[in-house]
Amino acid sequence: MNLSDIQTALRTAELDGWLFYDHHRRDPIAYRVLKINPPMCTRRWYYLIPKEGEPAKLVHRIEAQNLAGLPGSDDHYSSWREQRDGLARLLAGKHRIAMQYSPLNSIPYVGLVDAGTVELVKDCGVEVVSSADLVQQFEACWSEVEWQSHLAAGRVVHEAVRTGFAMIRDAVRLGKTLSEYDVQQEMVRLFDAQRVIADEAPNVSVNANTGNPHYSPSRESSLPIRSGDFVLMDVWAKQNKPGGVYFDITWTGYVGETAPHRYTEIFEVVREARDAAISLVQESMRAGHPLHGYEVDDAARQVITRGGYGAFFVHRTGHSIGEDVHGNGANMDNFETHDERRIIPRTCFSIEPGIYLNEFGVRSEVNVFVEERDARVTGEIQQAIVPILAAPR
């Protein structure tokens, strides 16, 4: 935890402090920002970082060591009455405090403090505001080590996609039976060999299943992959070591030498939407113009709506990426939520517009890393549907 940087951010935001609270590890953000990992959290604890001066702790007596590694004064409680009195002392003289709270739960990734605790803090005469911008600054900004970890994971993820397409090509040419699940499991084996991990196995889908954004094949329900099929692969992973961050992409292919016009028509609309969002981010960063998550979503959604497929773009344009595949920075979203968080340097997010029809769906996903005055796509960019049976060059 960098106390000085947090206090500088609090003063910039005109906040009196940032109040961390947890019970039974409900708030993983708190543990990552504070960089603590106590063995047992069965009682409520509070940790206040003021905009100036020494932090303060309030912990239960039987778990008094839970915040021992953090700087600041100690206060203890046992009964609920002592807890409330202690919280009042902790917040004395404070007026505006940030917590992991999101008004109307507009950003659910940050809305982790329960309503009752927010009421308890407000009852001490304190205004509670969202810590969303602080969380992004101290949770979603990558170090150089994390950036290199992302690139390393990306090399494996791209290899997995190429392996999947090659596996389909070879099986179809040899007349072998192959399923979505078979391809998925080969990718899982590659991940194990390359020492990367993911919270779930990759999405490998064909035909109508590609129209389900969160489809995942199983041994029992998996469809066969045959000549003439449309294929979508959504693959994400991170290095299997502390501090590893995710790489997350989606590619599409056609089991043949040339994809039919209907597939390419939809792909081109999605590609244009993807590129419009990327361009907006890059142009804004280069010009030094403030940019917010919802504006990037608007840029992609306008293209798809103009193409006549707005009703078939059923999710946000992108999500923050970090140690969790869905991270705690700004999302590219003015659809599922209205994300007003500013896009800031050293954060990474996906851009992944899609069109989902009954017979098939197309999504094209890249990762974008933001620098001080620029932004870059961190991996390969798909420009056309992969012709899986095309003759090798």
Foldseek 3Di string as FASTA:
>chain_A
DPLLVLLVVCVVVVFQWAKEKDAPPLQVLVCQLQVFDDPDGHDMKIWIRGSDDWIEIEEEPVPQCRCVVDTHYYDYDHDPVSVLVVLLVNCPPGAEYEYLCDVVCLPVNSHRDDPVVCVSNVVSVYHYDYCLQVSCVRPFFDDPVQVVQALLQQVLQVVLVVVLLQVLQVCQVVVHWDWQVNSQVVSVVSCVVSQKDAPDTKAKDKWQQQLPVPDHDDPVPIDIDYAFIKIKIWDKITHNDPFTWMFIWMAIAHAAADHDPVVFVQQVLQLVLLVQLQVVQFVCLQVVHWDALQVSQVSSLVSCVVVVQNVQFQDGQKAWITNHRRTSHGHNDPDSGRTGHTDAANTKMKGWTKGRDSGHIDITIFMWHHHNRGIDTSDDGDDGHHHSNHDDD
